[in-house]
Amino acid sequence: MQTAERTSRFRARAAQLPVLAFGRLGPEREDVTRHILDGARMATTTPLADYLRDGEPLPVPGTRYQLVDSNDEPVAIVELAAVTTCRVDDVDLAPARPAVAGGTDDAAARWQAAHRAAWPGIDGDTEIVVAEFELVELPSRHRAVRIA
């Protein structure tokens, strides 16, 4: 099968899925997306209040998404593996992998400081939703790689 045809098939599969994008367009999104594709980041967090305010249901494990880059191009298919809630002070960084927070002993404190800055008004008791995901498929120059 030709590379263009493989890429086309991957994009057709991805187009059937809801979009998942992280960060603002540009360098921030590219950086986070690269961490995901490298396996350094495999979870995301959102304040529970955001779901409640927007009347949105919590994500459902097993749901697949197309991960897009800053050009809104699909770069991977990911699947939610687990969805849990916890307090900010109790977040487990294991799913996010130490590389995201620099892999240092103060990774949890750094994560908390960064997210408190990004989420005005939260504190250690704020409930958050932790959505862990797995890479399922990546497009490849030579073939579509099915990971799971």
Foldseek 3Di string as FASTA:
>chain_A
DALVVQLVVVQVVQVVAAEDFDDDQDPVRVVVVVCVVVVLAFKDKDFPVVCVVVVHDDDDFQGKHFYAHSVRGGFFIKTWHDKDKDFLLPDDCVLGHLVVQPVDPCSSVSVSVVVCVVPPPGDRRGMMMMTGMDTQWGRDSGHIDGDD
